[in-house]
mmCIF file of all heavy atoms, coordinates in Angstrom:
data_MODEL
# 
_entry.id   MODEL 
# 
loop_
_atom_site.group_PDB 
_atom_site.id 
_atom_site.type_symbol 
_atom_site.label_atom_id 
_atom_site.label_alt_id 
_atom_site.label_comp_id 
_atom_site.label_asym_id 
_atom_site.label_entity_id 
_atom_site.label_seq_id 
_atom_site.pdbx_PDB_ins_code 
_atom_site.Cartn_x 
_atom_site.Cartn_y 
_atom_site.Cartn_z 
_atom_site.occupancy 
_atom_site.B_iso_or_equiv 
_atom_site.pdbx_formal_charge 
_atom_site.auth_seq_id 
_atom_site.auth_comp_id 
_atom_site.auth_asym_id 
_atom_site.auth_atom_id 
_atom_site.pdbx_PDB_model_num 
ATOM 1   N N   . TYR A 1 1  ? 0.870   -1.161 0.006  1.00 0.00 ? 1  TYR A N   1 
ATOM 2   C CA  . TYR A 1 1  ? -0.049  0.063  -0.001 1.00 0.00 ? 1  TYR A CA  1 
ATOM 3   C C   . TYR A 1 1  ? 0.907   1.185  -0.049 1.00 0.00 ? 1  TYR A C   1 
ATOM 4   O O   . TYR A 1 1  ? 1.874   1.345  0.755  1.00 0.00 ? 1  TYR A O   1 
ATOM 5   C CB  . TYR A 1 1  ? -0.924  -0.004 1.294  1.00 0.00 ? 1  TYR A CB  1 
ATOM 6   C CG  . TYR A 1 1  ? -1.806  1.168  1.426  1.00 0.00 ? 1  TYR A CG  1 
ATOM 7   C CD1 . TYR A 1 1  ? -2.944  1.303  0.712  1.00 0.00 ? 1  TYR A CD1 1 
ATOM 8   C CD2 . TYR A 1 1  ? -1.421  2.290  2.250  1.00 0.00 ? 1  TYR A CD2 1 
ATOM 9   C CE1 . TYR A 1 1  ? -3.829  2.353  0.881  1.00 0.00 ? 1  TYR A CE1 1 
ATOM 10  C CE2 . TYR A 1 1  ? -2.277  3.368  2.344  1.00 0.00 ? 1  TYR A CE2 1 
ATOM 11  C CZ  . TYR A 1 1  ? -3.465  3.380  1.707  1.00 0.00 ? 1  TYR A CZ  1 
ATOM 12  O OH  . TYR A 1 1  ? -4.223  4.479  1.854  1.00 0.00 ? 1  TYR A OH  1 
ATOM 13  N N   . SER A 1 2  ? 0.646   2.144  -0.890 1.00 0.00 ? 2  SER A N   1 
ATOM 14  C CA  . SER A 1 2  ? 1.568   3.285  -1.054 1.00 0.00 ? 2  SER A CA  1 
ATOM 15  C C   . SER A 1 2  ? 0.720   4.570  -1.190 1.00 0.00 ? 2  SER A C   1 
ATOM 16  O O   . SER A 1 2  ? -0.383  4.606  -1.583 1.00 0.00 ? 2  SER A O   1 
ATOM 17  C CB  . SER A 1 2  ? 2.557   3.125  -2.209 1.00 0.00 ? 2  SER A CB  1 
ATOM 18  O OG  . SER A 1 2  ? 1.798   3.190  -3.403 1.00 0.00 ? 2  SER A OG  1 
ATOM 19  N N   . LEU A 1 3  ? 1.455   5.672  -0.777 1.00 0.00 ? 3  LEU A N   1 
ATOM 20  C CA  . LEU A 1 3  ? 0.890   7.052  -0.882 1.00 0.00 ? 3  LEU A CA  1 
ATOM 21  C C   . LEU A 1 3  ? 1.922   7.960  -1.480 1.00 0.00 ? 3  LEU A C   1 
ATOM 22  O O   . LEU A 1 3  ? 3.159   7.813  -1.065 1.00 0.00 ? 3  LEU A O   1 
ATOM 23  C CB  . LEU A 1 3  ? 0.355   7.610  0.497  1.00 0.00 ? 3  LEU A CB  1 
ATOM 24  C CG  . LEU A 1 3  ? -0.728  6.934  1.180  1.00 0.00 ? 3  LEU A CG  1 
ATOM 25  C CD1 . LEU A 1 3  ? -0.907  7.484  2.495  1.00 0.00 ? 3  LEU A CD1 1 
ATOM 26  C CD2 . LEU A 1 3  ? -1.995  7.052  0.408  1.00 0.00 ? 3  LEU A CD2 1 
ATOM 27  N N   . LYS A 1 4  ? 1.525   8.846  -2.284 1.00 0.00 ? 4  LYS A N   1 
ATOM 28  C CA  . LYS A 1 4  ? 2.386   9.893  -2.827 1.00 0.00 ? 4  LYS A CA  1 
ATOM 29  C C   . LYS A 1 4  ? 1.651   11.225 -2.717 1.00 0.00 ? 4  LYS A C   1 
ATOM 30  O O   . LYS A 1 4  ? 0.706   11.401 -3.514 1.00 0.00 ? 4  LYS A O   1 
ATOM 31  C CB  . LYS A 1 4  ? 2.870   9.568  -4.280 1.00 0.00 ? 4  LYS A CB  1 
ATOM 32  C CG  . LYS A 1 4  ? 3.894   10.649 -4.747 1.00 0.00 ? 4  LYS A CG  1 
ATOM 33  C CD  . LYS A 1 4  ? 4.312   10.267 -6.173 1.00 0.00 ? 4  LYS A CD  1 
ATOM 34  C CE  . LYS A 1 4  ? 5.360   11.281 -6.682 1.00 0.00 ? 4  LYS A CE  1 
ATOM 35  N NZ  . LYS A 1 4  ? 5.859   10.916 -8.018 1.00 0.00 ? 4  LYS A NZ  1 
ATOM 36  N N   . LEU A 1 5  ? 1.980   12.076 -1.850 1.00 0.00 ? 5  LEU A N   1 
ATOM 37  C CA  . LEU A 1 5  ? 1.106   13.163 -1.513 1.00 0.00 ? 5  LEU A CA  1 
ATOM 38  C C   . LEU A 1 5  ? 1.811   14.494 -1.855 1.00 0.00 ? 5  LEU A C   1 
ATOM 39  O O   . LEU A 1 5  ? 2.935   14.793 -1.367 1.00 0.00 ? 5  LEU A O   1 
ATOM 40  C CB  . LEU A 1 5  ? 0.849   13.120 0.025  1.00 0.00 ? 5  LEU A CB  1 
ATOM 41  C CG  . LEU A 1 5  ? 0.394   11.854 0.623  1.00 0.00 ? 5  LEU A CG  1 
ATOM 42  C CD1 . LEU A 1 5  ? 0.300   11.992 2.109  1.00 0.00 ? 5  LEU A CD1 1 
ATOM 43  C CD2 . LEU A 1 5  ? -0.915  11.393 -0.017 1.00 0.00 ? 5  LEU A CD2 1 
ATOM 44  N N   . ASP A 1 6  ? 1.130   15.405 -2.582 1.00 0.00 ? 6  ASP A N   1 
ATOM 45  C CA  . ASP A 1 6  ? 1.666   16.715 -2.863 1.00 0.00 ? 6  ASP A CA  1 
ATOM 46  C C   . ASP A 1 6  ? 1.712   17.477 -1.571 1.00 0.00 ? 6  ASP A C   1 
ATOM 47  O O   . ASP A 1 6  ? 2.548   18.386 -1.390 1.00 0.00 ? 6  ASP A O   1 
ATOM 48  C CB  . ASP A 1 6  ? 0.805   17.449 -3.891 1.00 0.00 ? 6  ASP A CB  1 
ATOM 49  C CG  . ASP A 1 6  ? 1.168   17.030 -5.293 1.00 0.00 ? 6  ASP A CG  1 
ATOM 50  O OD1 . ASP A 1 6  ? 2.223   16.367 -5.434 1.00 0.00 ? 6  ASP A OD1 1 
ATOM 51  O OD2 . ASP A 1 6  ? 0.435   17.447 -6.211 1.00 0.00 ? 6  ASP A OD2 1 
ATOM 52  N N   . SER A 1 7  ? 0.615   17.271 -0.705 1.00 0.00 ? 7  SER A N   1 
ATOM 53  C CA  . SER A 1 7  ? 0.533   18.048 0.495  1.00 0.00 ? 7  SER A CA  1 
ATOM 54  C C   . SER A 1 7  ? 0.191   17.157 1.601  1.00 0.00 ? 7  SER A C   1 
ATOM 55  O O   . SER A 1 7  ? -0.968  16.608 1.605  1.00 0.00 ? 7  SER A O   1 
ATOM 56  C CB  . SER A 1 7  ? -0.490  19.222 0.459  1.00 0.00 ? 7  SER A CB  1 
ATOM 57  O OG  . SER A 1 7  ? -0.778  19.808 1.698  1.00 0.00 ? 7  SER A OG  1 
ATOM 58  N N   . ASN A 1 8  ? 1.024   16.926 2.582  1.00 0.00 ? 8  ASN A N   1 
ATOM 59  C CA  . ASN A 1 8  ? 0.718   16.118 3.772  1.00 0.00 ? 8  ASN A CA  1 
ATOM 60  C C   . ASN A 1 8  ? -0.450  16.658 4.559  1.00 0.00 ? 8  ASN A C   1 
ATOM 61  O O   . ASN A 1 8  ? -1.389  15.810 4.751  1.00 0.00 ? 8  ASN A O   1 
ATOM 62  C CB  . ASN A 1 8  ? 1.967   16.134 4.632  1.00 0.00 ? 8  ASN A CB  1 
ATOM 63  C CG  . ASN A 1 8  ? 1.883   15.205 5.928  1.00 0.00 ? 8  ASN A CG  1 
ATOM 64  O OD1 . ASN A 1 8  ? 0.804   14.791 6.163  1.00 0.00 ? 8  ASN A OD1 1 
ATOM 65  N ND2 . ASN A 1 8  ? 2.931   15.231 6.665  1.00 0.00 ? 8  ASN A ND2 1 
ATOM 66  N N   . PRO A 1 9  ? -0.556  17.851 4.912  1.00 0.00 ? 9  PRO A N   1 
ATOM 67  C CA  . PRO A 1 9  ? -1.637  18.353 5.697  1.00 0.00 ? 9  PRO A CA  1 
ATOM 68  C C   . PRO A 1 9  ? -2.959  18.287 5.006  1.00 0.00 ? 9  PRO A C   1 
ATOM 69  O O   . PRO A 1 9  ? -4.094  18.046 5.539  1.00 0.00 ? 9  PRO A O   1 
ATOM 70  C CB  . PRO A 1 9  ? -1.323  19.773 6.148  1.00 0.00 ? 9  PRO A CB  1 
ATOM 71  C CG  . PRO A 1 9  ? -0.218  20.144 5.243  1.00 0.00 ? 9  PRO A CG  1 
ATOM 72  C CD  . PRO A 1 9  ? 0.499   18.978 4.876  1.00 0.00 ? 9  PRO A CD  1 
ATOM 73  N N   . ALA A 1 10 ? -2.953  18.528 3.581  1.00 0.00 ? 10 ALA A N   1 
ATOM 74  C CA  . ALA A 1 10 ? -4.200  18.584 2.889  1.00 0.00 ? 10 ALA A CA  1 
ATOM 75  C C   . ALA A 1 10 ? -4.836  17.105 2.827  1.00 0.00 ? 10 ALA A C   1 
ATOM 76  O O   . ALA A 1 10 ? -6.015  16.919 2.940  1.00 0.00 ? 10 ALA A O   1 
ATOM 77  C CB  . ALA A 1 10 ? -3.946  18.972 1.406  1.00 0.00 ? 10 ALA A CB  1 
ATOM 78  N N   . PHE A 1 11 ? -3.923  16.146 2.641  1.00 0.00 ? 11 PHE A N   1 
ATOM 79  C CA  . PHE A 1 11 ? -4.391  14.699 2.564  1.00 0.00 ? 11 PHE A CA  1 
ATOM 80  C C   . PHE A 1 11 ? -4.828  14.244 3.989  1.00 0.00 ? 11 PHE A C   1 
ATOM 81  O O   . PHE A 1 11 ? -5.956  13.708 4.115  1.00 0.00 ? 11 PHE A O   1 
ATOM 82  C CB  . PHE A 1 11 ? -3.354  13.771 2.073  1.00 0.00 ? 11 PHE A CB  1 
ATOM 83  C CG  . PHE A 1 11 ? -3.783  12.335 1.950  1.00 0.00 ? 11 PHE A CG  1 
ATOM 84  C CD1 . PHE A 1 11 ? -4.589  11.909 0.981  1.00 0.00 ? 11 PHE A CD1 1 
ATOM 85  C CD2 . PHE A 1 11 ? -3.496  11.490 3.023  1.00 0.00 ? 11 PHE A CD2 1 
ATOM 86  C CE1 . PHE A 1 11 ? -5.008  10.536 0.874  1.00 0.00 ? 11 PHE A CE1 1 
ATOM 87  C CE2 . PHE A 1 11 ? -3.901  10.113 3.033  1.00 0.00 ? 11 PHE A CE2 1 
ATOM 88  C CZ  . PHE A 1 11 ? -4.693  9.694  1.837  1.00 0.00 ? 11 PHE A CZ  1 
ATOM 89  N N   . THR A 1 12 ? -4.040  14.589 4.991  1.00 0.00 ? 12 THR A N   1 
ATOM 90  C CA  . THR A 1 12 ? -4.484  14.181 6.387  1.00 0.00 ? 12 THR A CA  1 
ATOM 91  C C   . THR A 1 12 ? -5.817  14.789 6.688  1.00 0.00 ? 12 THR A C   1 
ATOM 92  O O   . THR A 1 12 ? -6.665  14.201 7.300  1.00 0.00 ? 12 THR A O   1 
ATOM 93  C CB  . THR A 1 12 ? -3.375  14.712 7.421  1.00 0.00 ? 12 THR A CB  1 
ATOM 94  O OG1 . THR A 1 12 ? -2.174  14.112 7.032  1.00 0.00 ? 12 THR A OG1 1 
ATOM 95  C CG2 . THR A 1 12 ? -3.804  14.428 8.758  1.00 0.00 ? 12 THR A CG2 1 
ATOM 96  N N   . SER A 1 13 ? -6.017  16.001 6.252  1.00 0.00 ? 13 SER A N   1 
ATOM 97  C CA  . SER A 1 13 ? -7.329  16.674 6.523  1.00 0.00 ? 13 SER A CA  1 
ATOM 98  C C   . SER A 1 13 ? -8.489  15.996 5.935  1.00 0.00 ? 13 SER A C   1 
ATOM 99  O O   . SER A 1 13 ? -9.549  15.835 6.461  1.00 0.00 ? 13 SER A O   1 
ATOM 100 C CB  . SER A 1 13 ? -7.309  18.166 5.933  1.00 0.00 ? 13 SER A CB  1 
ATOM 101 O OG  . SER A 1 13 ? -6.277  18.901 6.582  1.00 0.00 ? 13 SER A OG  1 
ATOM 102 N N   . SER A 1 14 ? -8.283  15.457 4.676  1.00 0.00 ? 14 SER A N   1 
ATOM 103 C CA  . SER A 1 14 ? -9.264  14.678 3.959  1.00 0.00 ? 14 SER A CA  1 
ATOM 104 C C   . SER A 1 14 ? -9.693  13.396 4.702  1.00 0.00 ? 14 SER A C   1 
ATOM 105 O O   . SER A 1 14 ? -10.807 13.036 4.763  1.00 0.00 ? 14 SER A O   1 
ATOM 106 C CB  . SER A 1 14 ? -8.917  14.433 2.555  1.00 0.00 ? 14 SER A CB  1 
ATOM 107 O OG  . SER A 1 14 ? -8.834  15.559 1.745  1.00 0.00 ? 14 SER A OG  1 
ATOM 108 N N   . VAL A 1 15 ? -8.619  12.756 5.309  1.00 0.00 ? 15 VAL A N   1 
ATOM 109 C CA  . VAL A 1 15 ? -8.889  11.584 6.111  1.00 0.00 ? 15 VAL A CA  1 
ATOM 110 C C   . VAL A 1 15 ? -9.664  11.934 7.350  1.00 0.00 ? 15 VAL A C   1 
ATOM 111 O O   . VAL A 1 15 ? -10.607 11.293 7.729  1.00 0.00 ? 15 VAL A O   1 
ATOM 112 C CB  . VAL A 1 15 ? -7.523  10.919 6.457  1.00 0.00 ? 15 VAL A CB  1 
ATOM 113 C CG1 . VAL A 1 15 ? -7.805  9.679  7.371  1.00 0.00 ? 15 VAL A CG1 1 
ATOM 114 C CG2 . VAL A 1 15 ? -6.784  10.545 5.263  1.00 0.00 ? 15 VAL A CG2 1 
ATOM 115 N N   . LEU A 1 16 ? -9.312  13.033 7.978  1.00 0.00 ? 16 LEU A N   1 
ATOM 116 C CA  . LEU A 1 16 ? -10.017 13.482 9.184  1.00 0.00 ? 16 LEU A CA  1 
ATOM 117 C C   . LEU A 1 16 ? -11.506 13.724 8.976  1.00 0.00 ? 16 LEU A C   1 
ATOM 118 O O   . LEU A 1 16 ? -12.383 13.352 9.766  1.00 0.00 ? 16 LEU A O   1 
ATOM 119 C CB  . LEU A 1 16 ? -9.393  14.693 9.759  1.00 0.00 ? 16 LEU A CB  1 
ATOM 120 C CG  . LEU A 1 16 ? -7.986  14.559 10.346 1.00 0.00 ? 16 LEU A CG  1 
ATOM 121 C CD1 . LEU A 1 16 ? -7.400  15.897 10.641 1.00 0.00 ? 16 LEU A CD1 1 
ATOM 122 C CD2 . LEU A 1 16 ? -7.946  13.724 11.592 1.00 0.00 ? 16 LEU A CD2 1 
ATOM 123 N N   . VAL A 1 17 ? -11.833 14.336 7.761  1.00 0.00 ? 17 VAL A N   1 
ATOM 124 C CA  . VAL A 1 17 ? -13.221 14.631 7.549  1.00 0.00 ? 17 VAL A CA  1 
ATOM 125 C C   . VAL A 1 17 ? -14.020 13.447 7.215  1.00 0.00 ? 17 VAL A C   1 
ATOM 126 O O   . VAL A 1 17 ? -15.071 13.269 7.726  1.00 0.00 ? 17 VAL A O   1 
ATOM 127 C CB  . VAL A 1 17 ? -13.311 15.653 6.314  1.00 0.00 ? 17 VAL A CB  1 
ATOM 128 C CG1 . VAL A 1 17 ? -14.731 15.755 5.873  1.00 0.00 ? 17 VAL A CG1 1 
ATOM 129 C CG2 . VAL A 1 17 ? -12.727 16.992 6.725  1.00 0.00 ? 17 VAL A CG2 1 
ATOM 130 N N   . ALA A 1 18 ? -13.399 12.439 6.508  1.00 0.00 ? 18 ALA A N   1 
ATOM 131 C CA  . ALA A 1 18 ? -14.136 11.197 6.299  1.00 0.00 ? 18 ALA A CA  1 
ATOM 132 C C   . ALA A 1 18 ? -14.399 10.452 7.630  1.00 0.00 ? 18 ALA A C   1 
ATOM 133 O O   . ALA A 1 18 ? -15.480 9.911  7.771  1.00 0.00 ? 18 ALA A O   1 
ATOM 134 C CB  . ALA A 1 18 ? -13.286 10.293 5.360  1.00 0.00 ? 18 ALA A CB  1 
ATOM 135 N N   . TYR A 1 19 ? -13.408 10.420 8.543  1.00 0.00 ? 19 TYR A N   1 
ATOM 136 C CA  . TYR A 1 19 ? -13.665 9.753  9.792  1.00 0.00 ? 19 TYR A CA  1 
ATOM 137 C C   . TYR A 1 19 ? -14.600 10.558 10.726 1.00 0.00 ? 19 TYR A C   1 
ATOM 138 O O   . TYR A 1 19 ? -15.208 9.990  11.560 1.00 0.00 ? 19 TYR A O   1 
ATOM 139 C CB  . TYR A 1 19 ? -12.354 9.441  10.424 1.00 0.00 ? 19 TYR A CB  1 
ATOM 140 C CG  . TYR A 1 19 ? -11.727 8.169  9.962  1.00 0.00 ? 19 TYR A CG  1 
ATOM 141 C CD1 . TYR A 1 19 ? -10.843 8.131  8.877  1.00 0.00 ? 19 TYR A CD1 1 
ATOM 142 C CD2 . TYR A 1 19 ? -12.088 6.963  10.570 1.00 0.00 ? 19 TYR A CD2 1 
ATOM 143 C CE1 . TYR A 1 19 ? -10.237 6.922  8.446  1.00 0.00 ? 19 TYR A CE1 1 
ATOM 144 C CE2 . TYR A 1 19 ? -11.579 5.737  10.113 1.00 0.00 ? 19 TYR A CE2 1 
ATOM 145 C CZ  . TYR A 1 19 ? -10.704 5.764  9.006  1.00 0.00 ? 19 TYR A CZ  1 
ATOM 146 O OH  . TYR A 1 19 ? -10.167 4.595  8.590  1.00 0.00 ? 19 TYR A OH  1 
ATOM 147 N N   . ALA A 1 20 ? -14.687 11.806 10.506 1.00 0.00 ? 20 ALA A N   1 
ATOM 148 C CA  . ALA A 1 20 ? -15.662 12.600 11.261 1.00 0.00 ? 20 ALA A CA  1 
ATOM 149 C C   . ALA A 1 20 ? -17.103 12.149 10.886 1.00 0.00 ? 20 ALA A C   1 
ATOM 150 O O   . ALA A 1 20 ? -17.969 12.068 11.763 1.00 0.00 ? 20 ALA A O   1 
ATOM 151 C CB  . ALA A 1 20 ? -15.478 14.121 10.967 1.00 0.00 ? 20 ALA A CB  1 
ATOM 152 N N   . ARG A 1 21 ? -17.315 11.773 9.676  1.00 0.00 ? 21 ARG A N   1 
ATOM 153 C CA  . ARG A 1 21 ? -18.633 11.242 9.188  1.00 0.00 ? 21 ARG A CA  1 
ATOM 154 C C   . ARG A 1 21 ? -18.855 9.960  9.989  1.00 0.00 ? 21 ARG A C   1 
ATOM 155 O O   . ARG A 1 21 ? -19.970 9.691  10.502 1.00 0.00 ? 21 ARG A O   1 
ATOM 156 C CB  . ARG A 1 21 ? -18.554 10.958 7.744  1.00 0.00 ? 21 ARG A CB  1 
ATOM 157 C CG  . ARG A 1 21 ? -19.881 10.321 7.243  1.00 0.00 ? 21 ARG A CG  1 
ATOM 158 C CD  . ARG A 1 21 ? -19.815 9.991  5.781  1.00 0.00 ? 21 ARG A CD  1 
ATOM 159 N NE  . ARG A 1 21 ? -19.777 11.147 4.926  1.00 0.00 ? 21 ARG A NE  1 
ATOM 160 C CZ  . ARG A 1 21 ? -18.709 11.599 4.127  1.00 0.00 ? 21 ARG A CZ  1 
ATOM 161 N NH1 . ARG A 1 21 ? -17.612 10.870 4.218  1.00 0.00 ? 21 ARG A NH1 1 
ATOM 162 N NH2 . ARG A 1 21 ? -18.785 12.695 3.462  1.00 0.00 ? 21 ARG A NH2 1 
ATOM 163 N N   . ALA A 1 22 ? -17.781 9.113  10.101 1.00 0.00 ? 22 ALA A N   1 
ATOM 164 C CA  . ALA A 1 22 ? -18.021 7.799  10.782 1.00 0.00 ? 22 ALA A CA  1 
ATOM 165 C C   . ALA A 1 22 ? -18.270 8.059  12.283 1.00 0.00 ? 22 ALA A C   1 
ATOM 166 O O   . ALA A 1 22 ? -19.151 7.375  12.816 1.00 0.00 ? 22 ALA A O   1 
ATOM 167 C CB  . ALA A 1 22 ? -16.804 6.982  10.610 1.00 0.00 ? 22 ALA A CB  1 
ATOM 168 N N   . VAL A 1 23 ? -17.594 9.033  12.874 1.00 0.00 ? 23 VAL A N   1 
ATOM 169 C CA  . VAL A 1 23 ? -17.817 9.267  14.352 1.00 0.00 ? 23 VAL A CA  1 
ATOM 170 C C   . VAL A 1 23 ? -19.209 9.761  14.568 1.00 0.00 ? 23 VAL A C   1 
ATOM 171 O O   . VAL A 1 23 ? -19.905 9.395  15.519 1.00 0.00 ? 23 VAL A O   1 
ATOM 172 C CB  . VAL A 1 23 ? -16.819 10.295 14.830 1.00 0.00 ? 23 VAL A CB  1 
ATOM 173 C CG1 . VAL A 1 23 ? -17.237 10.855 16.108 1.00 0.00 ? 23 VAL A CG1 1 
ATOM 174 C CG2 . VAL A 1 23 ? -15.428 9.706  14.885 1.00 0.00 ? 23 VAL A CG2 1 
ATOM 175 N N   . SER A 1 24 ? -19.736 10.597 13.660 1.00 0.00 ? 24 SER A N   1 
ATOM 176 C CA  . SER A 1 24 ? -21.099 11.106 13.831 1.00 0.00 ? 24 SER A CA  1 
ATOM 177 C C   . SER A 1 24 ? -22.027 9.930  13.708 1.00 0.00 ? 24 SER A C   1 
ATOM 178 O O   . SER A 1 24 ? -23.024 9.851  14.558 1.00 0.00 ? 24 SER A O   1 
ATOM 179 C CB  . SER A 1 24 ? -21.406 12.123 12.680 1.00 0.00 ? 24 SER A CB  1 
ATOM 180 O OG  . SER A 1 24 ? -22.780 12.474 12.756 1.00 0.00 ? 24 SER A OG  1 
ATOM 181 N N   . ARG A 1 25 ? -21.869 9.033  12.777 1.00 0.00 ? 25 ARG A N   1 
ATOM 182 C CA  . ARG A 1 25 ? -22.785 7.851  12.628 1.00 0.00 ? 25 ARG A CA  1 
ATOM 183 C C   . ARG A 1 25 ? -22.727 6.925  13.871 1.00 0.00 ? 25 ARG A C   1 
ATOM 184 O O   . ARG A 1 25 ? -23.749 6.463  14.336 1.00 0.00 ? 25 ARG A O   1 
ATOM 185 C CB  . ARG A 1 25 ? -22.452 7.047  11.334 1.00 0.00 ? 25 ARG A CB  1 
ATOM 186 C CG  . ARG A 1 25 ? -22.785 7.803  10.090 1.00 0.00 ? 25 ARG A CG  1 
ATOM 187 C CD  . ARG A 1 25 ? -22.281 7.048  8.807  1.00 0.00 ? 25 ARG A CD  1 
ATOM 188 N NE  . ARG A 1 25 ? -22.800 7.747  7.629  1.00 0.00 ? 25 ARG A NE  1 
ATOM 189 C CZ  . ARG A 1 25 ? -22.409 7.399  6.367  1.00 0.00 ? 25 ARG A CZ  1 
ATOM 190 N NH1 . ARG A 1 25 ? -21.508 6.452  6.240  1.00 0.00 ? 25 ARG A NH1 1 
ATOM 191 N NH2 . ARG A 1 25 ? -22.812 8.000  5.344  1.00 0.00 ? 25 ARG A NH2 1 
ATOM 192 N N   . MET A 1 26 ? -21.502 6.654  14.302 1.00 0.00 ? 26 MET A N   1 
ATOM 193 C CA  . MET A 1 26 ? -21.399 5.724  15.424 1.00 0.00 ? 26 MET A CA  1 
ATOM 194 C C   . MET A 1 26 ? -21.930 6.391  16.770 1.00 0.00 ? 26 MET A C   1 
ATOM 195 O O   . MET A 1 26 ? -22.509 5.691  17.614 1.00 0.00 ? 26 MET A O   1 
ATOM 196 C CB  . MET A 1 26 ? -19.917 5.346  15.609 1.00 0.00 ? 26 MET A CB  1 
ATOM 197 C CG  . MET A 1 26 ? -19.376 4.510  14.457 1.00 0.00 ? 26 MET A CG  1 
ATOM 198 S SD  . MET A 1 26 ? -17.644 4.153  14.592 1.00 0.00 ? 26 MET A SD  1 
ATOM 199 C CE  . MET A 1 26 ? -17.532 3.029  15.958 1.00 0.00 ? 26 MET A CE  1 
ATOM 200 N N   . SER A 1 27 ? -21.760 7.703  16.922 1.00 0.00 ? 27 SER A N   1 
ATOM 201 C CA  . SER A 1 27 ? -22.321 8.393  18.006 1.00 0.00 ? 27 SER A CA  1 
ATOM 202 C C   . SER A 1 27 ? -23.847 8.297  18.009 1.00 0.00 ? 27 SER A C   1 
ATOM 203 O O   . SER A 1 27 ? -24.422 8.116  19.040 1.00 0.00 ? 27 SER A O   1 
ATOM 204 C CB  . SER A 1 27 ? -21.857 9.878  17.983 1.00 0.00 ? 27 SER A CB  1 
ATOM 205 O OG  . SER A 1 27 ? -22.501 10.638 19.056 1.00 0.00 ? 27 SER A OG  1 
# 
């Protein structure tokens, strides 16, 4: 599994937002 990222914080942010959706659903 590999990642090549132009922007570390921009990609990390996208992961955080997707998981925020999951947290809302589980809550």
